[in-house]
Protein backbone atom coordinates (compact mmCIF):
# COMPACT_ATOMS: atom_id res chain seq x y z
CA MET A 1 0.00 0.00 0.00
CA ALA A 2 1.44 3.35 -1.04
CA PRO A 3 2.14 5.80 1.79
CA LYS A 4 0.00 8.90 2.15
CA LEU A 5 2.30 11.90 1.86
CA HIS A 6 1.49 15.55 2.50
CA LEU A 7 4.10 18.31 2.40
CA TYR A 8 3.55 21.49 4.39
CA MET A 9 5.69 24.11 2.70
CA SER A 10 6.10 27.80 1.95
CA THR A 11 6.72 29.05 -1.57
CA GLY A 12 10.40 29.57 -2.35
CA ALA A 13 11.49 28.48 1.13
CA CYS A 14 13.83 25.61 2.00
CA SER A 15 10.79 23.35 1.59
CA LEU A 16 11.38 23.65 -2.15
CA ALA A 17 14.09 20.98 -1.79
CA PRO A 18 11.76 18.21 -0.55
CA HIS A 19 9.12 19.44 -3.00
CA ILE A 20 11.60 18.79 -5.83
CA ALA A 21 12.60 15.45 -4.30
CA LEU A 22 8.97 14.37 -4.13
CA GLN A 23 8.48 15.30 -7.77
CA GLU A 24 11.63 13.37 -8.69
CA SER A 25 10.55 10.34 -6.65
CA GLY A 26 7.38 9.72 -8.63
CA LEU A 27 5.46 9.23 -5.38
CA GLU A 28 1.95 10.61 -5.03
CA PHE A 29 1.73 13.55 -2.64
CA THR A 30 -0.22 16.69 -1.83
CA THR A 31 0.92 20.06 -0.48
CA THR A 32 -0.25 22.92 1.68
CA ASP A 33 1.36 26.36 1.53
CA LEU A 34 1.62 27.69 5.10
CA GLY A 35 2.61 31.16 3.91
CA ALA A 36 5.64 31.34 6.19
CA LYS A 37 7.68 33.77 4.08
CA ARG A 38 7.52 36.51 6.73
CA GLY A 39 7.63 34.13 9.66
CA TYR A 40 5.92 30.92 10.67
CA PRO A 41 2.20 31.58 11.33
CA ALA A 42 1.25 31.02 14.96
CA GLU A 43 -1.96 29.28 13.95
CA HIS A 44 0.09 26.44 12.46
CA LEU A 45 2.30 25.75 15.48
CA HIS A 46 0.27 22.62 16.17
CA LEU A 47 1.85 21.16 13.02
CA ASN A 48 5.39 21.91 14.17
CA PRO A 49 5.96 23.55 17.57
CA LYS A 50 9.45 24.53 16.36
CA GLY A 51 7.78 26.94 13.94
CA ARG A 52 9.57 25.84 10.79
CA VAL A 53 8.88 24.42 7.36
CA PRO A 54 9.08 21.91 5.79
CA ILE A 55 6.87 19.35 7.49
CA LEU A 56 6.16 15.99 5.89
CA ASP A 57 3.09 14.09 7.01
CA LEU A 58 3.72 10.39 6.43
CA ASP A 59 0.60 8.34 7.11
CA GLY A 60 -0.33 10.67 9.98
CA GLU A 61 3.17 11.01 11.44
CA ARG A 62 4.74 14.45 11.03
CA ILE A 63 8.44 14.61 10.22
CA THR A 64 10.42 17.85 10.43
CA GLU A 65 13.90 19.05 9.41
CA THR A 66 14.90 19.01 5.76
CA PRO A 67 17.65 16.33 5.98
CA ALA A 68 15.27 13.93 7.75
CA ILE A 69 12.49 14.56 5.23
CA LEU A 70 14.83 14.06 2.28
CA GLY A 71 15.98 10.81 3.87
CA VAL A 72 12.41 9.56 4.10
CA ILE A 73 11.65 10.44 0.48
CA SER A 74 14.83 8.70 -0.65
CA ALA A 75 13.95 5.57 1.33
CA LEU A 76 10.46 5.47 -0.19
CA ALA A 77 11.87 5.61 -3.72
CA PRO A 78 15.16 3.67 -3.51
CA GLU A 79 15.35 3.18 -7.27
CA LYS A 80 15.79 6.96 -7.68
CA LYS A 81 18.96 6.96 -5.55
CA LEU A 82 18.17 10.43 -4.22
CA LEU A 83 20.96 10.18 -1.66
CA GLY A 84 23.49 8.46 -3.89
CA SER A 85 24.28 4.98 -5.18
CA THR A 86 27.04 3.71 -2.87
CA LEU A 87 27.77 3.74 0.84
CA LEU A 88 30.33 6.51 0.39
CA GLU A 89 27.95 8.59 -1.74
CA ARG A 90 25.21 8.24 0.87
CA ALA A 91 27.66 9.36 3.54
CA ARG A 92 28.71 12.34 1.42
CA ALA A 93 25.07 13.24 0.83
CA GLN A 94 24.37 13.24 4.57
CA GLU A 95 27.53 15.27 5.12
CA TRP A 96 26.31 17.89 2.64
CA LEU A 97 22.77 17.98 4.04
CA ALA A 98 23.93 18.40 7.64
CA TRP A 99 26.26 21.26 6.72
CA LEU A 100 23.76 23.01 4.45
CA CYS A 101 21.05 22.81 7.09
CA GLY A 102 23.17 23.72 10.09
CA THR A 103 25.73 26.16 8.73
CA LEU A 104 24.54 27.81 5.51
CA HIS A 105 20.86 27.85 6.40
CA GLY A 106 20.85 27.94 10.19
CA GLN A 107 23.82 30.21 10.86
CA GLY A 108 24.06 32.13 7.60
CA PHE A 109 20.59 32.78 6.27
CA GLY A 110 19.11 32.34 9.74
CA ALA A 111 21.11 35.30 11.03
CA LEU A 112 20.54 37.32 7.87
CA PHE A 113 16.78 36.81 7.62
CA ARG A 114 15.85 36.18 11.27
CA PRO A 115 18.30 38.03 13.57
CA ALA A 116 15.80 37.88 16.43
CA ARG A 117 16.49 34.15 16.70
CA PHE A 118 19.96 35.04 17.97
CA VAL A 119 19.43 38.16 20.10
CA GLY A 120 15.71 38.24 20.79
CA ASP A 121 14.20 41.74 20.84
CA LYS A 122 17.56 43.57 21.04
CA GLU A 123 16.97 45.38 17.78
CA GLU A 124 20.11 47.47 18.18
CA LEU A 125 22.10 44.29 17.45
CA TYR A 126 20.17 43.21 14.37
CA ASP A 127 22.47 44.89 11.85
CA VAL A 128 25.52 43.25 13.41
CA ILE A 129 23.89 39.82 13.36
CA LYS A 130 22.77 40.31 9.76
CA ALA A 131 26.30 41.27 8.72
CA ILE A 132 27.71 38.15 10.37
CA GLY A 133 25.05 36.07 8.64
CA LEU A 134 25.83 37.57 5.24
CA GLN A 135 29.53 36.83 5.66
CA CYS A 136 28.69 33.24 6.59
CA VAL A 137 26.58 32.96 3.43
CA LYS A 138 29.38 34.30 1.24
CA ASN A 139 31.96 32.03 2.86
CA SER A 140 29.64 29.06 2.39
CA PHE A 141 29.02 29.89 -1.26
CA ALA A 142 32.78 30.08 -1.83
CA TYR A 143 33.17 26.66 -0.19
CA ILE A 144 30.39 25.20 -2.34
CA ASN A 145 31.95 26.63 -5.48
CA GLU A 146 35.29 25.05 -4.58
CA LYS A 147 33.73 21.66 -3.78
CA LEU A 148 31.94 21.61 -7.15
CA GLU A 149 35.09 22.18 -9.19
CA GLY A 150 35.12 19.65 -12.04
CA LYS A 151 32.01 17.84 -10.76
CA PRO A 152 28.73 17.43 -12.66
CA PHE A 153 26.75 17.14 -9.42
CA ALA A 154 27.41 17.50 -5.70
CA VAL A 155 27.47 13.73 -5.07
CA GLY A 156 28.59 11.23 -7.68
CA ASP A 157 27.65 11.58 -11.33
CA ALA A 158 23.89 11.98 -11.02
CA PHE A 159 21.30 14.29 -9.50
CA THR A 160 20.59 13.82 -5.79
CA ALA A 161 18.54 15.62 -3.17
CA VAL A 162 21.70 17.55 -2.27
CA ASP A 163 21.51 19.31 -5.63
CA ALA A 164 17.89 20.25 -4.94
CA TYR A 165 18.91 21.76 -1.60
CA LEU A 166 21.82 23.63 -3.20
CA TYR A 167 19.43 25.02 -5.79
CA VAL A 168 17.30 26.59 -3.04
CA PHE A 169 20.21 28.58 -1.66
CA TYR A 170 21.40 29.61 -5.12
CA ARG A 171 17.98 31.19 -5.70
CA TRP A 172 18.32 33.03 -2.40
CA GLY A 173 21.77 34.25 -3.43
CA ASN A 174 20.26 35.68 -6.60
CA MET A 175 17.52 37.29 -4.55
CA LEU A 176 20.24 39.04 -2.53
CA ARG A 177 22.04 40.04 -5.75
CA LEU A 178 25.29 38.36 -4.75
CA GLY A 179 26.47 37.95 -8.34
CA MET A 180 26.08 34.18 -8.31
CA LYS A 181 27.12 33.48 -11.91
CA GLU A 182 30.13 35.77 -11.76
CA ASN A 183 31.37 34.94 -8.28
CA TYR A 184 30.49 31.24 -8.07
CA PRO A 185 30.74 29.80 -11.61
CA ASN A 186 30.91 26.14 -10.57
CA TYR A 187 27.81 26.57 -8.45
CA ALA A 188 26.08 28.33 -11.35
CA ARG A 189 27.00 25.50 -13.72
CA LEU A 190 25.40 22.96 -11.38
CA VAL A 191 22.21 24.99 -11.15
CA ASP A 192 22.08 25.36 -14.93
CA GLU A 193 21.83 21.56 -15.11
CA VAL A 194 19.41 21.22 -12.20
CA VAL A 195 16.82 23.59 -13.67
CA LYS A 196 16.62 21.42 -16.80
CA LEU A 197 15.04 18.59 -14.80
CA ASP A 198 11.30 18.02 -15.11
CA SER A 199 11.02 17.55 -11.35
CA VAL A 200 12.50 20.99 -10.72
CA ARG A 201 10.33 22.67 -13.32
CA LYS A 202 7.19 21.03 -11.91
CA ALA A 203 7.98 22.10 -8.35
CA VAL A 204 8.87 25.65 -9.36
CA ASP A 205 5.75 25.97 -11.51
CA ALA A 206 3.56 24.56 -8.74
CA GLU A 207 4.91 27.13 -6.28
CA GLY A 208 4.51 29.97 -8.76
CA ILE A 209 8.05 31.25 -8.29
CA SER A 210 10.85 32.21 -10.68
CA PHE A 211 13.59 29.76 -11.57
CA ASP A 212 16.41 32.11 -10.62
CA GLY A 213 14.95 33.76 -7.53
CA THR A 214 15.14 37.30 -8.90
CA LEU A 215 11.38 37.90 -8.96
């Protein structure tokens, strides 16, 4: 019996990565947009008390945190090899996902977009926290660009969920006008390939967002 899958997401947010993975998996699923672009709505805290998207409902059990959700999707569609084909590739995929979630997203974009998470209501510190976050983002993008040198994809020779997650942050970099193509050419080359995939196009079209994040 096929699992019942429902993704709670927010357009253009990090939930785009599992949305793409679900499209790539071929599994049947439905979605709900929680409209969390300006902050997680209090009326939806019963879905995730941590106040974050994405949330994946799997047969009535709610799973949070992007790496965990991507792991579930991969396990439900093993033939797609969404976390790699070998033991080493699966380890590298988890390595990427943990770092992207914890460092680039949590420390970098978290500080840049949500400084209150770090200093509460001390608004006089927000600009300092945002500046630290932006530097973390730039440092992370430079690291990604270096890691992708000479590689068609982040892990192995085929698309994985890591590439979907990387695509999310590339869009955000464009949104911030960080000169992604000029400053991070290896990263840009990866994204150029990723956006050709039907799964990516379907997810982007379903969310009604631009491919490059500039709109």
